[in-house]
Amino acid sequence: MTGEMEYARAILDGEEAVTPRRIRIAAFLLRQALEAEIDAYCELLVAAMPFPVRMRSRLAVLHALDRTGFNRSAEYAWNALSRACHHHAYELSPTISELRHLHSKVVALAALRAETVAARR
């Protein structure tokens, strides 16, 4: 598990003081870890993308080339985490249980990518 995932888990498990700001930080960290998994999976399917590519474009690549279900889960998690990261005065912060669910999704996606890498060797 990456450092981002560990720190997000620590916030969600109450090892860090739980405040609305920390909850949003956990969402940012989870999205960052998810984006790293998506980048790695795109590299596995296509090739390294040495130039900046928007996340929506990467998700479109996954949608076109992935046959494992990674793309659907990744798109769901990325959209949910993106909503959680944006603060609007009229919206509540995401709940800890929502972020725990998304944390489990990101962990499952990392495991699926690792299985795919192992299967290709």
Protein backbone atom coordinates (compact mmCIF):
# COMPACT_ATOMS: atom_id res chain seq x y z
CA MET A 1 0.00 0.00 0.00
CA THR A 2 1.31 3.45 -0.88
CA GLY A 3 2.02 6.23 1.59
CA GLU A 4 -1.09 8.07 0.43
CA MET A 5 -3.24 5.03 1.11
CA GLU A 6 -1.67 4.48 4.53
CA TYR A 7 -2.23 8.07 5.63
CA ALA A 8 -5.82 8.06 4.30
CA ARG A 9 -6.45 4.80 6.18
CA ALA A 10 -5.01 6.34 9.35
CA ILE A 11 -7.44 9.26 9.05
CA LEU A 12 -10.40 6.99 8.33
CA ASP A 13 -9.53 4.65 11.22
CA GLY A 14 -9.33 7.56 13.67
CA GLU A 15 -5.58 7.36 14.23
CA GLU A 16 -5.46 11.01 13.19
CA ALA A 17 -7.84 13.65 14.54
CA VAL A 18 -11.02 13.43 12.43
CA THR A 19 -12.13 16.82 11.19
CA PRO A 20 -13.92 17.83 7.98
CA ARG A 21 -10.59 19.11 6.65
CA ARG A 22 -8.83 15.81 7.39
CA ILE A 23 -11.67 13.88 5.77
CA ARG A 24 -11.25 15.93 2.60
CA ILE A 25 -7.48 15.37 2.79
CA ALA A 26 -8.18 11.63 2.91
CA ALA A 27 -10.31 12.00 -0.24
CA PHE A 28 -7.47 13.83 -2.02
CA LEU A 29 -4.97 11.16 -1.00
CA LEU A 30 -7.25 8.36 -2.15
CA ARG A 31 -7.81 10.06 -5.50
CA GLN A 32 -4.06 10.54 -5.91
CA ALA A 33 -3.44 6.84 -5.20
CA LEU A 34 -6.24 5.87 -7.60
CA GLU A 35 -4.78 8.06 -10.34
CA ALA A 36 -1.41 6.34 -9.88
CA GLU A 37 -3.12 2.94 -10.27
CA ILE A 38 -4.94 4.13 -13.40
CA ASP A 39 -1.67 5.45 -14.86
CA ALA A 40 0.06 2.13 -14.16
CA TYR A 41 -2.80 0.15 -15.69
CA CYS A 42 -2.82 2.33 -18.81
CA GLU A 43 0.92 1.72 -19.15
CA LEU A 44 0.24 -2.00 -18.88
CA LEU A 45 -2.44 -1.91 -21.60
CA VAL A 46 -0.90 0.59 -24.00
CA ALA A 47 2.49 2.07 -23.17
CA ALA A 48 3.97 4.78 -21.01
CA MET A 49 2.39 8.16 -21.68
CA PRO A 50 5.33 10.57 -21.36
CA PHE A 51 3.17 13.61 -22.03
CA PRO A 52 0.32 14.99 -19.90
CA VAL A 53 -2.93 13.16 -20.52
CA ARG A 54 -6.15 14.13 -18.78
CA MET A 55 -7.70 11.58 -16.47
CA ARG A 56 -10.90 11.48 -18.54
CA SER A 57 -8.78 10.48 -21.54
CA ARG A 58 -7.05 7.77 -19.53
CA LEU A 59 -10.44 6.46 -18.42
CA ALA A 60 -11.55 6.41 -22.07
CA VAL A 61 -8.47 4.33 -22.94
CA LEU A 62 -9.36 1.92 -20.16
CA HIS A 63 -12.96 1.76 -21.34
CA ALA A 64 -11.81 0.82 -24.85
CA LEU A 65 -9.09 -1.69 -23.94
CA ASP A 66 -9.86 -3.22 -20.55
CA ARG A 67 -11.78 -6.48 -20.29
CA THR A 68 -11.38 -7.14 -16.56
CA GLY A 69 -13.86 -4.64 -15.10
CA PHE A 70 -11.06 -2.42 -13.82
CA ASN A 71 -12.34 0.44 -15.99
CA ARG A 72 -15.86 0.52 -14.50
CA SER A 73 -14.66 0.42 -10.91
CA ALA A 74 -11.92 2.97 -11.59
CA GLU A 75 -14.31 5.39 -13.25
CA TYR A 76 -16.86 5.05 -10.43
CA ALA A 77 -14.20 5.60 -7.74
CA TRP A 78 -12.55 8.50 -9.57
CA ASN A 79 -15.85 10.31 -10.09
CA ALA A 80 -16.90 9.77 -6.46
CA LEU A 81 -13.50 10.91 -5.13
CA SER A 82 -13.51 13.95 -7.41
CA ARG A 83 -16.90 14.97 -6.01
CA ALA A 84 -15.58 14.41 -2.49
CA CYS A 85 -12.52 16.58 -3.16
CA HIS A 86 -14.46 19.63 -4.32
CA HIS A 87 -15.80 21.81 -1.55
CA HIS A 88 -19.01 23.73 -2.04
CA ALA A 89 -20.55 25.80 0.75
CA TYR A 90 -23.92 24.14 0.22
CA GLU A 91 -22.61 20.56 0.45
CA LEU A 92 -21.58 18.47 3.41
CA SER A 93 -18.18 16.86 3.57
CA PRO A 94 -18.10 13.19 2.57
CA THR A 95 -18.69 10.83 5.46
CA ILE A 96 -16.06 8.51 6.83
CA SER A 97 -18.10 5.48 5.77
CA GLU A 98 -18.30 6.78 2.18
CA LEU A 99 -14.54 7.23 2.09
CA ARG A 100 -13.94 3.83 3.69
CA HIS A 101 -15.98 2.31 0.87
CA LEU A 102 -13.93 4.22 -1.72
CA HIS A 103 -10.71 3.21 0.07
CA SER A 104 -11.73 -0.44 -0.28
CA LYS A 105 -12.43 0.16 -4.00
CA VAL A 106 -8.95 1.63 -4.54
CA VAL A 107 -7.35 -1.27 -2.63
CA ALA A 108 -9.31 -3.75 -4.78
CA LEU A 109 -8.23 -1.96 -7.97
CA ALA A 110 -4.59 -2.09 -6.87
CA ALA A 111 -4.95 -5.83 -6.25
CA LEU A 112 -6.61 -6.36 -9.65
CA ARG A 113 -3.80 -4.48 -11.40
CA ALA A 114 -1.21 -6.56 -9.53
CA GLU A 115 -2.99 -9.76 -10.58
CA THR A 116 -3.04 -8.60 -14.21
CA VAL A 117 0.68 -7.81 -14.08
CA ALA A 118 1.40 -11.24 -12.59
CA ALA A 119 -0.74 -12.96 -15.22
CA ARG A 120 1.16 -11.25 -18.04
CA ARG A 121 4.55 -12.47 -16.83
